[in-house]
Amino acid sequence: MKKAKLKEPTIPVERQETIRQKIVSLLKDKTLTVKDISFYAMIPLKDVCEHLEHIQKNKRDYRLDMTPARCKKCGFVFKKRDKLATPGKCPVCRGSLIEEPLFSIKIKH
């Protein structure tokens, strides 16, 4: 019988700001997709939309601006979509080549 190897404990990334503060600061400078946010903020892809939804509900001195997803095949724009994640299929042509939505932060004056 083999002995199971013990996994080395993972060391969490040291942060000076919260994850949501990091996402907001990233989006103030540039327009990013969910994948880009995941990469730069060093968080799992599945967690990004949850953080974006919270940021969207926040009524501070900024607002989350979203350029909706678009079908690359027929050009359909997902304007009325409430979910922030990329849709799986186009409702018009049933194509699955979907351009990801883009996110940025707009400062309120």
Protein backbone atom coordinates (compact mmCIF):
# COMPACT_ATOMS: atom_id res chain seq x y z
CA MET A 1 0.00 0.00 0.00
CA LYS A 2 1.38 3.41 -1.03
CA LYS A 3 1.46 6.32 1.33
CA ALA A 4 -0.38 9.39 0.09
CA LYS A 5 1.82 12.43 -0.38
CA LEU A 6 0.86 15.40 1.70
CA LYS A 7 0.13 18.48 -0.35
CA GLU A 8 2.15 21.55 0.40
CA PRO A 9 -0.09 24.30 1.78
CA THR A 10 -0.82 27.03 -0.72
CA ILE A 11 0.27 30.50 0.25
CA PRO A 12 -2.39 33.11 -0.52
CA VAL A 13 -1.48 36.13 -2.62
CA GLU A 14 -0.64 39.10 -0.42
CA ARG A 15 -3.04 41.95 -1.15
CA GLN A 16 -2.91 45.62 -0.20
CA GLU A 17 -6.54 46.15 -1.27
CA THR A 18 -9.67 44.00 -1.44
CA ILE A 19 -10.47 42.03 -4.58
CA ARG A 20 -13.32 44.40 -5.47
CA GLN A 21 -11.10 47.45 -4.95
CA LYS A 22 -8.52 45.82 -7.23
CA ILE A 23 -11.16 45.18 -9.92
CA VAL A 24 -12.43 48.78 -9.68
CA SER A 25 -8.89 50.18 -9.99
CA LEU A 26 -8.23 47.92 -13.01
CA LEU A 27 -11.44 49.01 -14.73
CA LYS A 28 -10.82 52.72 -14.11
CA ASP A 29 -7.76 52.51 -16.34
CA LYS A 30 -8.99 50.22 -19.13
CA THR A 31 -11.86 48.25 -20.62
CA LEU A 32 -11.54 44.52 -19.91
CA THR A 33 -13.33 41.20 -20.44
CA VAL A 34 -14.16 38.79 -17.61
CA LYS A 35 -11.11 36.69 -18.57
CA ASP A 36 -8.83 39.74 -18.47
CA ILE A 37 -10.15 40.74 -15.04
CA SER A 38 -9.57 37.19 -13.78
CA PHE A 39 -5.97 37.31 -15.03
CA TYR A 40 -5.03 40.76 -13.71
CA ALA A 41 -6.83 40.42 -10.36
CA MET A 42 -5.48 36.86 -9.93
CA ILE A 43 -8.86 35.38 -9.03
CA PRO A 44 -10.74 32.39 -10.47
CA LEU A 45 -12.82 33.11 -13.57
CA LYS A 46 -16.00 31.85 -11.91
CA ASP A 47 -15.69 34.47 -9.12
CA VAL A 48 -15.35 37.51 -11.38
CA CYS A 49 -19.05 37.86 -12.29
CA GLU A 50 -20.07 37.68 -8.63
CA HIS A 51 -17.69 40.54 -7.79
CA LEU A 52 -18.86 42.54 -10.82
CA GLU A 53 -22.51 42.17 -9.76
CA HIS A 54 -21.65 43.56 -6.34
CA ILE A 55 -19.68 46.43 -7.88
CA GLN A 56 -22.66 47.13 -10.18
CA LYS A 57 -25.02 47.44 -7.18
CA ASN A 58 -22.63 49.80 -5.41
CA LYS A 59 -23.86 53.41 -5.57
CA ARG A 60 -20.65 55.29 -4.85
CA ASP A 61 -18.82 57.83 -6.98
CA TYR A 62 -18.50 55.45 -9.93
CA ARG A 63 -20.63 53.06 -11.95
CA LEU A 64 -19.89 49.84 -13.81
CA ASP A 65 -20.24 50.36 -17.55
CA MET A 66 -20.81 47.29 -19.74
CA THR A 67 -20.53 46.94 -23.51
CA PRO A 68 -22.86 43.99 -24.21
CA ALA A 69 -21.80 40.70 -25.78
CA ARG A 70 -22.24 40.35 -29.55
CA CYS A 71 -22.63 37.36 -31.88
CA LYS A 72 -19.69 37.17 -34.30
CA LYS A 73 -21.78 35.23 -36.84
CA CYS A 74 -24.91 37.38 -37.28
CA GLY A 75 -24.06 40.52 -35.29
CA PHE A 76 -26.87 40.19 -32.71
CA VAL A 77 -26.19 42.38 -29.65
CA PHE A 78 -27.28 41.10 -26.22
CA LYS A 79 -28.55 44.52 -25.01
CA LYS A 80 -31.27 43.35 -22.61
CA ARG A 81 -29.22 40.63 -20.92
CA ASP A 82 -29.03 40.99 -17.13
CA LYS A 83 -26.33 38.37 -16.57
CA LEU A 84 -22.76 39.62 -16.79
CA ALA A 85 -21.29 36.34 -18.04
CA THR A 86 -20.79 35.60 -21.74
CA PRO A 87 -23.87 33.94 -23.29
CA GLY A 88 -23.52 30.39 -24.60
CA LYS A 89 -25.51 30.70 -27.84
CA CYS A 90 -27.05 33.40 -30.00
CA PRO A 91 -30.87 33.34 -29.85
CA VAL A 92 -31.10 34.38 -33.52
CA CYS A 93 -28.65 32.15 -35.42
CA ARG A 94 -27.84 29.63 -32.66
CA GLY A 95 -24.14 30.31 -33.22
CA SER A 96 -21.72 29.90 -30.36
CA LEU A 97 -19.07 32.38 -31.49
CA ILE A 98 -19.89 35.15 -29.02
CA GLU A 99 -17.76 38.23 -28.38
CA GLU A 100 -17.36 38.68 -24.63
CA PRO A 101 -18.92 41.70 -22.92
CA LEU A 102 -16.50 44.47 -21.98
CA PHE A 103 -16.45 46.23 -18.62
CA SER A 104 -15.11 49.59 -17.46
CA ILE A 105 -15.68 52.03 -14.62
CA LYS A 106 -17.13 55.48 -15.29
CA ILE A 107 -16.58 58.13 -12.63
CA LYS A 108 -19.71 60.07 -11.64
CA HIS A 109 -19.41 63.86 -11.46
